[in-house]
N, C-alpha and C. Protein backbone atom coordinates (compact mmCIF):
# COMPACT_ATOMS: atom_id res chain seq x y z
N MET A 1 7.64 -9.68 0.69
CA MET A 1 8.08 -8.54 -0.11
C MET A 1 8.19 -7.30 0.76
N SER A 2 9.14 -6.45 0.43
CA SER A 2 9.30 -5.21 1.17
C SER A 2 8.20 -4.23 0.81
N LYS A 3 7.99 -3.26 1.70
CA LYS A 3 7.00 -2.25 1.42
C LYS A 3 7.53 -1.27 0.38
N SER A 4 6.64 -0.46 -0.14
CA SER A 4 7.01 0.51 -1.15
C SER A 4 8.16 1.39 -0.66
N GLN A 5 9.14 1.60 -1.55
CA GLN A 5 10.27 2.44 -1.23
C GLN A 5 10.11 3.85 -1.80
N VAL A 6 8.92 4.17 -2.27
CA VAL A 6 8.66 5.45 -2.90
C VAL A 6 7.67 6.24 -2.06
N SER A 7 8.01 7.49 -1.74
CA SER A 7 7.12 8.32 -0.94
C SER A 7 5.89 8.72 -1.74
N ALA A 8 4.85 9.19 -1.03
CA ALA A 8 3.61 9.59 -1.68
C ALA A 8 3.85 10.72 -2.66
N SER A 9 4.66 11.69 -2.29
CA SER A 9 4.91 12.84 -3.16
C SER A 9 5.67 12.42 -4.41
N LEU A 10 6.64 11.50 -4.25
CA LEU A 10 7.41 11.03 -5.41
C LEU A 10 6.52 10.19 -6.32
N LEU A 11 5.62 9.40 -5.73
CA LEU A 11 4.71 8.60 -6.53
C LEU A 11 3.80 9.51 -7.36
N ASP A 12 3.28 10.57 -6.76
CA ASP A 12 2.45 11.52 -7.51
C ASP A 12 3.24 12.15 -8.65
N GLN A 13 4.49 12.48 -8.39
CA GLN A 13 5.34 13.06 -9.42
C GLN A 13 5.52 12.10 -10.59
N ARG A 14 5.77 10.84 -10.25
CA ARG A 14 5.95 9.84 -11.30
C ARG A 14 4.66 9.58 -12.07
N LEU A 15 3.54 9.57 -11.38
CA LEU A 15 2.25 9.35 -12.04
C LEU A 15 1.96 10.48 -13.02
N ASN A 16 2.31 11.69 -12.65
CA ASN A 16 2.14 12.82 -13.56
C ASN A 16 3.04 12.68 -14.78
N GLN A 17 4.26 12.17 -14.57
CA GLN A 17 5.17 11.93 -15.69
C GLN A 17 4.63 10.86 -16.62
N ILE A 18 4.03 9.82 -16.03
CA ILE A 18 3.41 8.76 -16.83
C ILE A 18 2.27 9.33 -17.67
N TYR A 19 1.44 10.16 -17.03
CA TYR A 19 0.30 10.74 -17.75
C TYR A 19 0.79 11.61 -18.91
N ASP A 20 1.77 12.47 -18.66
CA ASP A 20 2.28 13.35 -19.70
C ASP A 20 2.89 12.55 -20.86
N HIS A 21 3.62 11.48 -20.50
CA HIS A 21 4.25 10.66 -21.54
C HIS A 21 3.20 9.98 -22.41
N LEU A 22 2.19 9.38 -21.79
CA LEU A 22 1.17 8.67 -22.55
C LEU A 22 0.26 9.63 -23.31
N TYR A 23 0.05 10.81 -22.75
CA TYR A 23 -0.77 11.81 -23.45
C TYR A 23 -0.10 12.23 -24.76
N ALA A 24 1.24 12.26 -24.73
CA ALA A 24 1.99 12.67 -25.91
C ALA A 24 2.28 11.51 -26.85
N ASN A 25 2.37 10.30 -26.32
CA ASN A 25 2.85 9.17 -27.14
C ASN A 25 1.90 7.98 -27.23
N GLY A 26 1.00 7.84 -26.28
CA GLY A 26 0.18 6.63 -26.20
C GLY A 26 -0.91 6.55 -27.25
N PRO A 27 -1.56 5.38 -27.34
CA PRO A 27 -2.62 5.17 -28.33
C PRO A 27 -3.92 5.89 -27.99
N SER A 28 -4.14 6.18 -26.71
CA SER A 28 -5.34 6.87 -26.27
C SER A 28 -4.94 8.12 -25.50
N ARG A 29 -5.35 9.30 -25.98
CA ARG A 29 -4.87 10.54 -25.39
C ARG A 29 -5.98 11.29 -24.67
N THR A 30 -6.78 10.54 -23.94
CA THR A 30 -7.79 11.12 -23.06
C THR A 30 -7.54 10.61 -21.65
N PRO A 31 -7.94 11.37 -20.63
CA PRO A 31 -7.74 10.90 -19.25
C PRO A 31 -8.38 9.54 -19.01
N ALA A 32 -9.59 9.35 -19.54
CA ALA A 32 -10.28 8.07 -19.34
C ALA A 32 -9.55 6.92 -20.03
N GLY A 33 -9.07 7.17 -21.26
CA GLY A 33 -8.37 6.12 -22.00
C GLY A 33 -7.04 5.76 -21.37
N ILE A 34 -6.32 6.78 -20.90
CA ILE A 34 -5.03 6.54 -20.25
C ILE A 34 -5.23 5.77 -18.95
N SER A 35 -6.21 6.18 -18.15
CA SER A 35 -6.46 5.50 -16.88
C SER A 35 -6.88 4.06 -17.10
N TYR A 36 -7.61 3.80 -18.19
CA TYR A 36 -8.04 2.44 -18.51
C TYR A 36 -6.84 1.53 -18.75
N GLU A 37 -5.87 2.02 -19.54
CA GLU A 37 -4.68 1.23 -19.83
C GLU A 37 -3.80 1.05 -18.58
N ILE A 38 -3.67 2.10 -17.79
CA ILE A 38 -2.85 2.00 -16.59
C ILE A 38 -3.48 1.06 -15.57
N THR A 39 -4.80 1.07 -15.48
CA THR A 39 -5.49 0.16 -14.56
C THR A 39 -5.20 -1.29 -14.93
N LYS A 40 -5.17 -1.59 -16.22
CA LYS A 40 -4.84 -2.95 -16.65
C LYS A 40 -3.44 -3.34 -16.18
N LEU A 41 -2.50 -2.40 -16.31
CA LEU A 41 -1.13 -2.70 -15.88
C LEU A 41 -1.05 -2.85 -14.37
N LEU A 42 -1.72 -1.97 -13.62
CA LEU A 42 -1.68 -2.05 -12.16
C LEU A 42 -2.29 -3.37 -11.67
N ARG A 43 -3.39 -3.77 -12.27
CA ARG A 43 -4.01 -5.04 -11.89
C ARG A 43 -3.07 -6.20 -12.18
N THR A 44 -2.37 -6.12 -13.30
CA THR A 44 -1.44 -7.18 -13.68
C THR A 44 -0.26 -7.24 -12.71
N LEU A 45 0.29 -6.08 -12.36
CA LEU A 45 1.41 -6.05 -11.41
C LEU A 45 0.98 -6.53 -10.03
N LEU A 46 -0.24 -6.20 -9.64
CA LEU A 46 -0.78 -6.69 -8.37
C LEU A 46 -0.86 -8.22 -8.42
N TYR A 47 -1.33 -8.75 -9.55
CA TYR A 47 -1.42 -10.20 -9.72
C TYR A 47 -0.04 -10.84 -9.65
N ILE A 48 0.94 -10.22 -10.29
CA ILE A 48 2.32 -10.73 -10.28
C ILE A 48 2.87 -10.76 -8.86
N GLU A 49 2.65 -9.66 -8.12
CA GLU A 49 3.16 -9.59 -6.75
C GLU A 49 2.56 -10.66 -5.86
N GLN A 50 1.31 -11.00 -6.09
CA GLN A 50 0.62 -11.98 -5.24
C GLN A 50 0.73 -13.40 -5.78
N SER A 51 1.30 -13.54 -6.97
CA SER A 51 1.44 -14.85 -7.59
C SER A 51 2.57 -15.65 -6.95
N LYS A 52 2.48 -16.96 -7.03
CA LYS A 52 3.54 -17.84 -6.54
C LYS A 52 4.45 -18.27 -7.69
N ASN A 53 4.23 -17.71 -8.87
CA ASN A 53 5.01 -18.06 -10.05
C ASN A 53 6.38 -17.37 -9.99
N SER A 54 7.42 -18.13 -9.82
CA SER A 54 8.77 -17.57 -9.67
C SER A 54 9.23 -16.85 -10.93
N GLU A 55 8.71 -17.27 -12.09
CA GLU A 55 9.10 -16.62 -13.34
C GLU A 55 8.63 -15.17 -13.36
N TYR A 56 7.44 -14.93 -12.83
CA TYR A 56 6.93 -13.55 -12.76
C TYR A 56 7.79 -12.72 -11.81
N HIS A 57 8.18 -13.33 -10.72
CA HIS A 57 8.96 -12.59 -9.73
C HIS A 57 10.34 -12.23 -10.26
N LYS A 58 10.87 -13.05 -11.15
CA LYS A 58 12.18 -12.77 -11.73
C LYS A 58 12.16 -11.47 -12.54
N ILE A 59 11.05 -11.24 -13.26
CA ILE A 59 10.97 -10.03 -14.08
C ILE A 59 10.53 -8.83 -13.25
N ASP A 60 10.09 -9.06 -12.02
CA ASP A 60 9.57 -7.95 -11.21
C ASP A 60 10.48 -7.59 -10.04
N ASP A 61 11.49 -8.41 -9.77
CA ASP A 61 12.35 -8.17 -8.61
C ASP A 61 13.10 -6.85 -8.71
N LEU A 62 13.62 -6.53 -9.90
CA LEU A 62 14.35 -5.28 -10.06
C LEU A 62 13.45 -4.07 -9.87
N ARG A 63 12.21 -4.18 -10.34
CA ARG A 63 11.26 -3.08 -10.16
C ARG A 63 10.98 -2.85 -8.68
N LEU A 64 10.72 -3.90 -7.95
CA LEU A 64 10.38 -3.78 -6.53
C LEU A 64 11.58 -3.35 -5.70
N SER A 65 12.77 -3.66 -6.16
CA SER A 65 13.97 -3.26 -5.42
C SER A 65 14.40 -1.84 -5.77
N ASN A 66 13.62 -1.21 -6.67
CA ASN A 66 13.89 0.18 -7.07
C ASN A 66 15.23 0.30 -7.78
N LYS A 67 15.63 -0.76 -8.49
CA LYS A 67 16.91 -0.74 -9.20
C LYS A 67 16.71 -0.88 -10.72
N LEU A 68 15.49 -0.71 -11.16
CA LEU A 68 15.18 -0.88 -12.57
C LEU A 68 15.64 0.35 -13.36
N PRO A 69 16.39 0.16 -14.43
CA PRO A 69 16.82 1.33 -15.24
C PRO A 69 15.63 1.94 -15.96
N HIS A 70 15.58 3.28 -16.00
CA HIS A 70 14.48 3.95 -16.68
C HIS A 70 14.62 3.84 -18.20
N LYS A 71 15.84 3.59 -18.66
CA LYS A 71 16.06 3.36 -20.08
C LYS A 71 16.62 1.95 -20.25
N ALA A 72 16.09 1.24 -21.21
CA ALA A 72 16.53 -0.14 -21.41
C ALA A 72 16.58 -0.44 -22.90
N SER A 73 17.31 -1.48 -23.26
CA SER A 73 17.37 -1.90 -24.66
C SER A 73 16.00 -2.39 -25.09
N SER A 74 15.76 -2.35 -26.39
CA SER A 74 14.47 -2.82 -26.91
C SER A 74 14.27 -4.29 -26.60
N GLU A 75 15.37 -5.05 -26.56
CA GLU A 75 15.28 -6.48 -26.25
C GLU A 75 14.78 -6.69 -24.82
N TYR A 76 15.33 -5.93 -23.88
CA TYR A 76 14.92 -6.06 -22.48
C TYR A 76 13.48 -5.58 -22.30
N ALA A 77 13.13 -4.49 -22.97
CA ALA A 77 11.76 -3.98 -22.90
C ALA A 77 10.78 -5.02 -23.44
N ASN A 78 11.19 -5.74 -24.49
CA ASN A 78 10.33 -6.78 -25.07
C ASN A 78 10.12 -7.94 -24.09
N VAL A 79 11.18 -8.29 -23.35
CA VAL A 79 11.09 -9.37 -22.36
C VAL A 79 10.09 -8.98 -21.27
N ILE A 80 10.22 -7.75 -20.77
CA ILE A 80 9.31 -7.27 -19.72
C ILE A 80 7.88 -7.25 -20.24
N ALA A 81 7.69 -6.70 -21.44
CA ALA A 81 6.34 -6.60 -22.01
C ALA A 81 5.73 -7.98 -22.24
N SER A 82 6.56 -8.93 -22.67
CA SER A 82 6.07 -10.29 -22.90
C SER A 82 5.60 -10.93 -21.60
N GLY A 83 6.39 -10.75 -20.53
CA GLY A 83 6.02 -11.31 -19.23
C GLY A 83 4.76 -10.69 -18.68
N ILE A 84 4.61 -9.38 -18.85
CA ILE A 84 3.42 -8.68 -18.39
C ILE A 84 2.20 -9.14 -19.19
N GLY A 85 2.39 -9.31 -20.51
CA GLY A 85 1.28 -9.77 -21.34
C GLY A 85 0.79 -11.15 -20.95
N LYS A 86 1.72 -12.04 -20.64
CA LYS A 86 1.36 -13.39 -20.20
C LYS A 86 0.61 -13.34 -18.88
N ALA A 87 1.12 -12.53 -17.94
CA ALA A 87 0.48 -12.41 -16.63
C ALA A 87 -0.91 -11.79 -16.76
N PHE A 88 -1.05 -10.80 -17.66
CA PHE A 88 -2.35 -10.17 -17.87
C PHE A 88 -3.38 -11.19 -18.35
N SER A 89 -3.00 -12.00 -19.33
CA SER A 89 -3.92 -13.02 -19.86
C SER A 89 -4.33 -14.02 -18.79
N GLU A 90 -3.36 -14.43 -17.98
CA GLU A 90 -3.63 -15.38 -16.89
C GLU A 90 -4.54 -14.75 -15.84
N MET A 91 -4.26 -13.50 -15.49
CA MET A 91 -5.06 -12.77 -14.50
C MET A 91 -6.49 -12.57 -15.00
N ASN A 92 -6.63 -12.21 -16.27
CA ASN A 92 -7.95 -11.95 -16.83
C ASN A 92 -8.77 -13.23 -16.97
N ALA A 93 -8.09 -14.33 -17.27
CA ALA A 93 -8.78 -15.62 -17.37
C ALA A 93 -9.33 -16.04 -16.01
N LYS A 94 -8.63 -15.64 -14.96
CA LYS A 94 -9.04 -16.01 -13.61
C LYS A 94 -10.14 -15.11 -13.06
N TYR A 95 -10.04 -13.80 -13.34
CA TYR A 95 -10.96 -12.84 -12.72
C TYR A 95 -11.97 -12.21 -13.67
N ASN A 96 -11.77 -12.36 -14.99
CA ASN A 96 -12.71 -11.83 -15.99
C ASN A 96 -12.97 -10.34 -15.84
N PHE A 97 -11.90 -9.57 -15.62
CA PHE A 97 -12.06 -8.12 -15.56
C PHE A 97 -12.41 -7.54 -16.92
N TYR A 98 -11.89 -8.16 -17.98
CA TYR A 98 -12.05 -7.63 -19.33
C TYR A 98 -12.53 -8.75 -20.26
N SER A 99 -12.86 -8.38 -21.49
CA SER A 99 -13.25 -9.39 -22.47
C SER A 99 -12.06 -10.30 -22.78
N LYS A 100 -12.34 -11.47 -23.27
CA LYS A 100 -11.28 -12.45 -23.53
C LYS A 100 -10.29 -11.95 -24.57
N SER A 101 -10.74 -11.07 -25.46
CA SER A 101 -9.87 -10.58 -26.53
C SER A 101 -9.04 -9.37 -26.12
N GLU A 102 -9.26 -8.88 -24.90
CA GLU A 102 -8.58 -7.66 -24.45
C GLU A 102 -7.08 -7.87 -24.30
N LYS A 103 -6.30 -6.90 -24.80
CA LYS A 103 -4.85 -6.92 -24.67
C LYS A 103 -4.38 -5.52 -24.27
N ALA A 104 -3.14 -5.43 -23.82
CA ALA A 104 -2.56 -4.13 -23.52
C ALA A 104 -2.36 -3.37 -24.83
N LYS A 105 -2.82 -2.14 -24.90
CA LYS A 105 -2.71 -1.36 -26.14
C LYS A 105 -1.43 -0.54 -26.19
N LEU A 106 -0.69 -0.48 -25.10
CA LEU A 106 0.55 0.27 -25.07
C LEU A 106 1.65 -0.47 -25.84
N SER A 107 2.50 0.28 -26.52
CA SER A 107 3.64 -0.35 -27.19
C SER A 107 4.59 -0.88 -26.13
N ASN A 108 5.50 -1.77 -26.54
CA ASN A 108 6.46 -2.32 -25.58
C ASN A 108 7.30 -1.22 -24.95
N PHE A 109 7.65 -0.21 -25.74
CA PHE A 109 8.45 0.90 -25.22
C PHE A 109 7.66 1.68 -24.16
N ASP A 110 6.39 2.01 -24.47
CA ASP A 110 5.56 2.77 -23.52
C ASP A 110 5.26 1.94 -22.28
N LEU A 111 5.04 0.64 -22.48
CA LEU A 111 4.75 -0.24 -21.36
C LEU A 111 5.96 -0.30 -20.42
N TYR A 112 7.15 -0.38 -20.99
CA TYR A 112 8.34 -0.41 -20.15
C TYR A 112 8.55 0.92 -19.45
N TYR A 113 8.25 2.02 -20.13
CA TYR A 113 8.40 3.34 -19.52
C TYR A 113 7.54 3.43 -18.26
N VAL A 114 6.28 3.03 -18.37
CA VAL A 114 5.37 3.08 -17.23
C VAL A 114 5.85 2.13 -16.14
N TYR A 115 6.25 0.94 -16.55
CA TYR A 115 6.74 -0.08 -15.62
C TYR A 115 7.95 0.45 -14.83
N SER A 116 8.86 1.12 -15.51
CA SER A 116 10.06 1.66 -14.85
C SER A 116 9.71 2.78 -13.89
N LYS A 117 8.68 3.57 -14.22
CA LYS A 117 8.26 4.66 -13.35
C LYS A 117 7.60 4.13 -12.07
N LEU A 118 7.18 2.87 -12.10
CA LEU A 118 6.60 2.24 -10.92
C LEU A 118 7.66 1.45 -10.14
N SER A 119 8.93 1.72 -10.45
CA SER A 119 10.03 1.07 -9.75
C SER A 119 9.99 1.43 -8.27
N GLY A 120 10.06 0.40 -7.42
CA GLY A 120 10.03 0.61 -5.98
C GLY A 120 8.64 0.76 -5.40
N VAL A 121 7.61 0.63 -6.23
CA VAL A 121 6.23 0.79 -5.77
C VAL A 121 5.58 -0.58 -5.60
N LEU A 122 5.24 -0.93 -4.39
CA LEU A 122 4.57 -2.20 -4.11
C LEU A 122 3.07 -1.99 -4.24
N ILE A 123 2.50 -2.47 -5.32
CA ILE A 123 1.07 -2.26 -5.60
C ILE A 123 0.21 -2.89 -4.52
N SER A 124 0.67 -4.02 -3.97
CA SER A 124 -0.12 -4.76 -2.98
C SER A 124 0.11 -4.27 -1.55
N ASP A 125 0.84 -3.17 -1.38
CA ASP A 125 1.07 -2.61 -0.05
C ASP A 125 -0.28 -2.21 0.56
N PRO A 126 -0.70 -2.86 1.67
CA PRO A 126 -2.02 -2.57 2.26
C PRO A 126 -2.13 -1.17 2.84
N ASN A 127 -1.00 -0.50 3.01
CA ASN A 127 -1.01 0.83 3.60
C ASN A 127 -1.09 1.95 2.57
N LYS A 128 -1.14 1.58 1.29
CA LYS A 128 -1.23 2.58 0.23
C LYS A 128 -2.36 2.23 -0.73
N ASP A 129 -2.96 3.27 -1.31
CA ASP A 129 -4.00 3.09 -2.31
C ASP A 129 -3.43 3.55 -3.64
N VAL A 130 -2.60 2.71 -4.26
CA VAL A 130 -1.92 3.09 -5.49
C VAL A 130 -2.93 3.32 -6.61
N PHE A 131 -3.97 2.48 -6.68
CA PHE A 131 -5.00 2.65 -7.70
C PHE A 131 -5.66 4.03 -7.55
N GLY A 132 -6.01 4.37 -6.33
CA GLY A 132 -6.66 5.65 -6.07
C GLY A 132 -5.77 6.83 -6.43
N ASP A 133 -4.47 6.72 -6.07
CA ASP A 133 -3.52 7.79 -6.40
C ASP A 133 -3.42 7.97 -7.91
N ALA A 134 -3.36 6.87 -8.63
CA ALA A 134 -3.24 6.94 -10.09
C ALA A 134 -4.49 7.55 -10.72
N MET A 135 -5.65 7.10 -10.27
CA MET A 135 -6.89 7.62 -10.84
C MET A 135 -7.08 9.10 -10.52
N GLU A 136 -6.63 9.53 -9.36
CA GLU A 136 -6.74 10.95 -8.98
C GLU A 136 -5.92 11.80 -9.94
N VAL A 137 -4.73 11.33 -10.29
CA VAL A 137 -3.88 12.07 -11.21
C VAL A 137 -4.44 12.05 -12.62
N PHE A 138 -4.84 10.87 -13.11
CA PHE A 138 -5.24 10.72 -14.51
C PHE A 138 -6.62 11.30 -14.82
N ARG A 139 -7.52 11.21 -13.87
CA ARG A 139 -8.89 11.61 -14.18
C ARG A 139 -9.36 12.85 -13.44
N SER A 140 -8.53 13.43 -12.59
CA SER A 140 -9.01 14.51 -11.73
C SER A 140 -9.59 15.68 -12.51
N ASN A 141 -8.83 16.22 -13.43
CA ASN A 141 -9.33 17.38 -14.17
C ASN A 141 -10.58 17.07 -14.96
N TRP A 142 -10.56 15.93 -15.66
CA TRP A 142 -11.72 15.53 -16.46
C TRP A 142 -12.93 15.23 -15.58
N ALA A 143 -12.70 14.45 -14.52
CA ALA A 143 -13.82 14.01 -13.67
C ALA A 143 -14.44 15.18 -12.91
N LYS A 144 -13.58 16.06 -12.39
CA LYS A 144 -14.10 17.16 -11.60
C LYS A 144 -14.88 18.15 -12.45
N SER A 145 -14.42 18.37 -13.68
CA SER A 145 -15.09 19.34 -14.52
C SER A 145 -16.33 18.79 -15.20
N HIS A 146 -16.34 17.49 -15.51
CA HIS A 146 -17.47 16.91 -16.24
C HIS A 146 -18.38 16.04 -15.39
N GLY A 147 -17.84 15.42 -14.37
CA GLY A 147 -18.68 14.50 -13.62
C GLY A 147 -18.83 14.81 -12.15
N GLY A 148 -18.11 15.80 -11.64
CA GLY A 148 -18.21 16.12 -10.22
C GLY A 148 -17.68 15.02 -9.33
N GLN A 149 -16.73 14.22 -9.84
CA GLN A 149 -16.19 13.10 -9.07
C GLN A 149 -14.90 13.51 -8.37
N PHE A 150 -14.77 13.06 -7.13
CA PHE A 150 -13.57 13.34 -6.35
C PHE A 150 -13.09 12.05 -5.69
N PHE A 151 -11.79 11.88 -5.62
CA PHE A 151 -11.22 10.71 -4.96
C PHE A 151 -10.74 11.14 -3.58
N THR A 152 -11.21 10.46 -2.56
CA THR A 152 -10.95 10.86 -1.18
C THR A 152 -9.53 10.51 -0.77
N ASP A 153 -8.83 11.51 -0.22
CA ASP A 153 -7.47 11.31 0.25
C ASP A 153 -7.42 10.23 1.33
N GLN A 154 -6.32 9.47 1.35
CA GLN A 154 -6.20 8.35 2.30
C GLN A 154 -6.23 8.83 3.74
N LYS A 155 -5.73 10.02 4.01
CA LYS A 155 -5.77 10.54 5.38
C LYS A 155 -7.21 10.74 5.83
N VAL A 156 -8.08 11.12 4.90
CA VAL A 156 -9.49 11.35 5.22
C VAL A 156 -10.20 10.02 5.47
N THR A 157 -9.91 9.02 4.64
CA THR A 157 -10.56 7.71 4.82
C THR A 157 -10.13 7.07 6.14
N ASP A 158 -8.85 7.23 6.49
CA ASP A 158 -8.36 6.70 7.77
C ASP A 158 -9.04 7.41 8.94
N LEU A 159 -9.16 8.73 8.83
CA LEU A 159 -9.81 9.51 9.88
C LEU A 159 -11.27 9.11 10.03
N ALA A 160 -11.93 8.84 8.92
CA ALA A 160 -13.34 8.45 8.96
C ALA A 160 -13.54 7.17 9.76
N MET A 161 -12.65 6.20 9.57
CA MET A 161 -12.77 4.94 10.31
C MET A 161 -12.64 5.18 11.82
N THR A 162 -11.75 6.10 12.19
CA THR A 162 -11.55 6.41 13.60
C THR A 162 -12.77 7.13 14.18
N LEU A 163 -13.27 8.13 13.45
CA LEU A 163 -14.42 8.89 13.93
C LEU A 163 -15.68 8.04 14.01
N LEU A 164 -15.83 7.11 13.08
CA LEU A 164 -17.00 6.23 13.07
C LEU A 164 -16.87 5.09 14.08
N GLN A 165 -15.65 4.94 14.63
CA GLN A 165 -15.35 3.82 15.54
C GLN A 165 -15.76 2.49 14.91
N PHE A 166 -15.41 2.36 13.64
CA PHE A 166 -15.72 1.15 12.89
C PHE A 166 -15.09 -0.08 13.53
N ASN A 167 -15.91 -1.09 13.81
CA ASN A 167 -15.41 -2.30 14.45
C ASN A 167 -16.21 -3.51 13.98
N PRO A 168 -15.75 -4.19 12.94
CA PRO A 168 -16.45 -5.37 12.43
C PRO A 168 -16.46 -6.52 13.43
N LEU A 169 -15.56 -6.49 14.42
CA LEU A 169 -15.54 -7.54 15.44
C LEU A 169 -16.78 -7.45 16.32
N LYS A 170 -17.44 -6.26 16.29
CA LYS A 170 -18.69 -6.08 17.04
C LYS A 170 -19.91 -6.10 16.13
N GLY A 171 -19.69 -6.53 14.89
CA GLY A 171 -20.81 -6.68 13.96
C GLY A 171 -21.02 -5.54 12.99
N ASP A 172 -20.13 -4.55 12.98
CA ASP A 172 -20.28 -3.42 12.06
C ASP A 172 -20.06 -3.85 10.62
N ASP A 173 -20.87 -3.31 9.71
CA ASP A 173 -20.68 -3.50 8.27
C ASP A 173 -20.14 -2.21 7.68
N LEU A 174 -19.36 -2.33 6.60
CA LEU A 174 -18.84 -1.16 5.91
C LEU A 174 -19.35 -1.20 4.47
N VAL A 175 -20.17 -0.22 4.11
CA VAL A 175 -20.73 -0.15 2.77
C VAL A 175 -20.29 1.14 2.12
N ASP A 176 -19.53 1.03 1.05
CA ASP A 176 -19.08 2.21 0.31
C ASP A 176 -19.84 2.25 -1.00
N ILE A 177 -20.89 3.07 -1.06
CA ILE A 177 -21.76 3.09 -2.24
C ILE A 177 -21.11 3.81 -3.43
N CYS A 178 -19.98 4.46 -3.20
CA CYS A 178 -19.28 5.17 -4.28
C CYS A 178 -17.87 4.62 -4.42
N ALA A 179 -17.71 3.32 -4.34
CA ALA A 179 -16.38 2.70 -4.32
C ALA A 179 -15.74 2.72 -5.70
N GLY A 180 -15.09 3.83 -6.03
CA GLY A 180 -14.39 3.91 -7.30
C GLY A 180 -13.15 3.05 -7.28
N THR A 181 -12.21 3.37 -6.41
CA THR A 181 -10.99 2.56 -6.27
C THR A 181 -10.95 1.84 -4.93
N GLY A 182 -12.01 1.95 -4.15
CA GLY A 182 -12.09 1.22 -2.89
C GLY A 182 -11.29 1.81 -1.76
N GLY A 183 -11.08 3.13 -1.77
CA GLY A 183 -10.27 3.77 -0.74
C GLY A 183 -10.82 3.59 0.66
N PHE A 184 -12.14 3.73 0.82
CA PHE A 184 -12.76 3.56 2.14
C PHE A 184 -12.69 2.09 2.57
N LEU A 185 -12.82 1.18 1.61
CA LEU A 185 -12.76 -0.24 1.93
C LEU A 185 -11.35 -0.62 2.40
N LEU A 186 -10.35 -0.06 1.73
CA LEU A 186 -8.97 -0.30 2.15
C LEU A 186 -8.73 0.25 3.55
N ALA A 187 -9.26 1.44 3.82
CA ALA A 187 -9.11 2.05 5.15
C ALA A 187 -9.77 1.18 6.21
N GLY A 188 -10.92 0.58 5.85
CA GLY A 188 -11.62 -0.30 6.79
C GLY A 188 -10.79 -1.52 7.13
N LEU A 189 -10.14 -2.12 6.11
CA LEU A 189 -9.30 -3.29 6.36
C LEU A 189 -8.08 -2.93 7.21
N ASN A 190 -7.49 -1.78 6.93
CA ASN A 190 -6.34 -1.35 7.73
C ASN A 190 -6.73 -1.05 9.17
N HIS A 191 -7.93 -0.49 9.35
CA HIS A 191 -8.43 -0.21 10.70
C HIS A 191 -8.65 -1.52 11.45
N LEU A 192 -9.15 -2.53 10.74
CA LEU A 192 -9.34 -3.84 11.35
C LEU A 192 -8.00 -4.45 11.77
N ARG A 193 -6.98 -4.27 10.94
CA ARG A 193 -5.65 -4.78 11.30
C ARG A 193 -5.18 -4.16 12.61
N ASP A 194 -5.43 -2.87 12.78
CA ASP A 194 -5.03 -2.19 14.02
C ASP A 194 -5.79 -2.77 15.21
N LEU A 195 -7.09 -3.05 15.02
CA LEU A 195 -7.89 -3.61 16.11
C LEU A 195 -7.40 -5.01 16.49
N LEU A 196 -7.00 -5.77 15.47
CA LEU A 196 -6.57 -7.15 15.72
C LEU A 196 -5.22 -7.21 16.44
N LYS A 197 -4.41 -6.16 16.29
CA LYS A 197 -3.13 -6.13 17.00
C LYS A 197 -3.33 -6.13 18.50
N GLU A 198 -4.49 -5.65 18.94
CA GLU A 198 -4.78 -5.57 20.37
C GLU A 198 -5.30 -6.88 20.93
N ASN A 199 -5.62 -7.81 20.04
CA ASN A 199 -6.18 -9.09 20.48
C ASN A 199 -5.37 -10.22 19.86
N LYS A 200 -4.46 -10.80 20.61
CA LYS A 200 -3.55 -11.81 20.09
C LYS A 200 -4.18 -13.20 19.98
N SER A 201 -5.38 -13.38 20.53
CA SER A 201 -6.01 -14.70 20.54
C SER A 201 -6.76 -14.99 19.25
N LEU A 202 -7.03 -13.95 18.44
CA LEU A 202 -7.81 -14.14 17.22
C LEU A 202 -6.92 -14.52 16.04
N GLU A 203 -7.50 -15.28 15.09
CA GLU A 203 -6.78 -15.65 13.88
C GLU A 203 -6.86 -14.48 12.91
N LYS A 204 -5.87 -13.61 12.96
CA LYS A 204 -5.90 -12.33 12.25
C LYS A 204 -6.13 -12.47 10.75
N GLU A 205 -5.27 -13.24 10.08
CA GLU A 205 -5.34 -13.32 8.63
C GLU A 205 -6.65 -13.96 8.16
N LYS A 206 -7.15 -14.92 8.92
CA LYS A 206 -8.41 -15.57 8.54
C LYS A 206 -9.57 -14.58 8.63
N ILE A 207 -9.58 -13.77 9.68
CA ILE A 207 -10.63 -12.77 9.86
C ILE A 207 -10.57 -11.72 8.75
N ILE A 208 -9.38 -11.25 8.43
CA ILE A 208 -9.21 -10.25 7.39
C ILE A 208 -9.65 -10.81 6.03
N GLU A 209 -9.27 -12.06 5.76
CA GLU A 209 -9.63 -12.69 4.49
C GLU A 209 -11.15 -12.83 4.38
N GLU A 210 -11.81 -13.25 5.46
CA GLU A 210 -13.26 -13.42 5.43
C GLU A 210 -13.95 -12.09 5.22
N LEU A 211 -13.47 -11.03 5.88
CA LEU A 211 -14.09 -9.72 5.74
C LEU A 211 -13.88 -9.19 4.32
N ALA A 212 -12.68 -9.39 3.79
CA ALA A 212 -12.39 -8.92 2.43
C ALA A 212 -13.30 -9.59 1.40
N LYS A 213 -13.60 -10.87 1.61
CA LYS A 213 -14.49 -11.56 0.69
C LYS A 213 -15.89 -10.99 0.70
């Protein structure tokens, strides 16, 4: 799959549009409730991108190619929503993120709106923290004012790995005790990828997979 075709600034703009739309139209009009529903969709799209099921890829190819229309017929929106619902159930059965009875609470129209706003965004892109970006937009005002929570910018997490000279090949462990969206963990994996580029004799993907586990 190609990498995300959407810049960081454009993604933030779209995430804000998603938040405003759901705040005005969605079933839950709180930052926490909106982020909860969006997290379910992001996890499902991540599962679809990593799945080998060609049927899922058929409904997601237009989104990833950034050619998905922002407005669609109700019939097309229903097809997309049905495919996402099936993938969500399959993903949840495998990973148990939510209760067995959990379903997407967004209407088919709202679900398609959010889906279209994520056009061209590769959720599984290892160089981006899409979950972190979304949570920063949806929960920032609420979290900062009520909980003192902050989501660390990706530039900062990358810099931290460099300053710490993190190197798991030499036995270093990475423990993120405040792993909300795993930004530091993602930075650690990306830093490892850079280290592995310098050593062609190692089995790169196997090492990354073992560390991720």
